[in-house]
């Protein structure tokens, strides 16, 4: 599944599904990637976290990207 909208993939993404469910997501990464915390590239495995607020997003990023 594509994580966030990008060229050629504007619908059917994880972000689209999350925004359908709730509008209360972190705005740290802007409107294109609300709440998304990850370090993934195409065709890789890894971890995706979704932050519901800016405090949790910043705190989690501190630990994920250390």
C-alpha atoms as a PDB file:
ATOM      1  CA  UNK A   1       0.000   0.000   0.000  1.00  0.00           C
ATOM      2  CA  UNK A   2       1.259   3.455  -0.852  1.00  0.00           C
ATOM      3  CA  UNK A   3       1.747   5.457   2.348  1.00  0.00           C
ATOM      4  CA  UNK A   4       1.007   9.023   1.249  1.00  0.00           C
ATOM      5  CA  UNK A   5      -0.238  10.688  -1.932  1.00  0.00           C
ATOM      6  CA  UNK A   6       2.438  11.407  -4.523  1.00  0.00           C
ATOM      7  CA  UNK A   7       2.707  11.745  -8.277  1.00  0.00           C
ATOM      8  CA  UNK A   8       0.624   8.969  -9.835  1.00  0.00           C
ATOM      9  CA  UNK A   9      -0.892   7.861  -6.495  1.00  0.00           C
ATOM     10  CA  UNK A  10      -3.362  10.408  -5.198  1.00  0.00           C
ATOM     11  CA  UNK A  11      -6.001   8.032  -3.835  1.00  0.00           C
ATOM     12  CA  UNK A  12      -6.102   4.699  -2.051  1.00  0.00           C
ATOM     13  CA  UNK A  13      -3.180   5.529   0.245  1.00  0.00           C
ATOM     14  CA  UNK A  14      -2.719   4.900   3.958  1.00  0.00           C
ATOM     15  CA  UNK A  15      -3.048   8.648   4.586  1.00  0.00           C
ATOM     16  CA  UNK A  16      -6.346   8.727   2.660  1.00  0.00           C
ATOM     17  CA  UNK A  17      -7.658   5.891   4.845  1.00  0.00           C
ATOM     18  CA  UNK A  18      -6.500   7.573   8.070  1.00  0.00           C
ATOM     19  CA  UNK A  19      -8.089  10.894   7.105  1.00  0.00           C
ATOM     20  CA  UNK A  20     -11.339   9.099   6.323  1.00  0.00           C
ATOM     21  CA  UNK A  21     -11.239   7.685   9.852  1.00  0.00           C
ATOM     22  CA  UNK A  22     -10.175  10.878  11.689  1.00  0.00           C
ATOM     23  CA  UNK A  23      -8.988  14.440  11.113  1.00  0.00           C
ATOM     24  CA  UNK A  24      -7.088  14.488  14.416  1.00  0.00           C
ATOM     25  CA  UNK A  25      -3.565  13.642  13.282  1.00  0.00           C
ATOM     26  CA  UNK A  26      -0.237  15.340  13.841  1.00  0.00           C
ATOM     27  CA  UNK A  27       0.472  18.243  11.492  1.00  0.00           C
ATOM     28  CA  UNK A  28       4.271  18.161  11.922  1.00  0.00           C
ATOM     29  CA  UNK A  29       4.803  16.669   8.450  1.00  0.00           C
ATOM     30  CA  UNK A  30       2.284  18.959   6.762  1.00  0.00           C
ATOM     31  CA  UNK A  31      -0.883  18.138   4.849  1.00  0.00           C
ATOM     32  CA  UNK A  32       0.640  15.494   2.584  1.00  0.00           C
ATOM     33  CA  UNK A  33       1.870  13.201   5.396  1.00  0.00           C
ATOM     34  CA  UNK A  34      -0.306  13.954   8.456  1.00  0.00           C
ATOM     35  CA  UNK A  35       0.696  11.835  11.425  1.00  0.00           C
ATOM     36  CA  UNK A  36       3.060   9.597   9.476  1.00  0.00           C
ATOM     37  CA  UNK A  37       6.375   8.683  11.109  1.00  0.00           C
ATOM     38  CA  UNK A  38       8.466   6.263   9.092  1.00  0.00           C
ATOM     39  CA  UNK A  39      11.769   5.541   7.477  1.00  0.00           C
ATOM     40  CA  UNK A  40      10.811   3.459   4.481  1.00  0.00           C
ATOM     41  CA  UNK A  41      11.676   3.457   0.828  1.00  0.00           C
ATOM     42  CA  UNK A  42       9.730   1.810  -1.965  1.00  0.00           C
ATOM     43  CA  UNK A  43       9.692  -2.009  -1.837  1.00  0.00           C
ATOM     44  CA  UNK A  44      11.243  -2.267   1.635  1.00  0.00           C
ATOM     45  CA  UNK A  45       9.992  -3.531   4.960  1.00  0.00           C
ATOM     46  CA  UNK A  46      10.045  -1.574   8.172  1.00  0.00           C
ATOM     47  CA  UNK A  47       7.927   0.279  10.683  1.00  0.00           C
ATOM     48  CA  UNK A  48       5.255   2.905  10.210  1.00  0.00           C
ATOM     49  CA  UNK A  49       3.865   4.828  13.167  1.00  0.00           C
ATOM     50  CA  UNK A  50       0.930   7.221  13.122  1.00  0.00           C
ATOM     51  CA  UNK A  51       0.946  10.109  15.591  1.00  0.00           C
ATOM     52  CA  UNK A  52      -2.360  11.571  16.698  1.00  0.00           C
ATOM     53  CA  UNK A  53      -0.827  14.848  17.901  1.00  0.00           C
ATOM     54  CA  UNK A  54       2.274  17.001  17.451  1.00  0.00           C
ATOM     55  CA  UNK A  55       3.712  16.253  20.896  1.00  0.00           C
ATOM     56  CA  UNK A  56       3.705  12.499  20.274  1.00  0.00           C
ATOM     57  CA  UNK A  57       5.078  12.984  16.770  1.00  0.00           C
ATOM     58  CA  UNK A  58       8.062  15.034  17.951  1.00  0.00           C
ATOM     59  CA  UNK A  59       8.786  12.749  20.901  1.00  0.00           C
ATOM     60  CA  UNK A  60       8.600   9.608  18.766  1.00  0.00           C
ATOM     61  CA  UNK A  61      10.757  11.054  15.966  1.00  0.00           C
ATOM     62  CA  UNK A  62      13.434  11.848  18.523  1.00  0.00           C
ATOM     63  CA  UNK A  63      13.717   8.125  19.352  1.00  0.00           C
ATOM     64  CA  UNK A  64      13.148   6.711  15.853  1.00  0.00           C
ATOM     65  CA  UNK A  65      15.776   8.854  14.112  1.00  0.00           C
ATOM     66  CA  UNK A  66      18.479   8.749  16.814  1.00  0.00           C
END
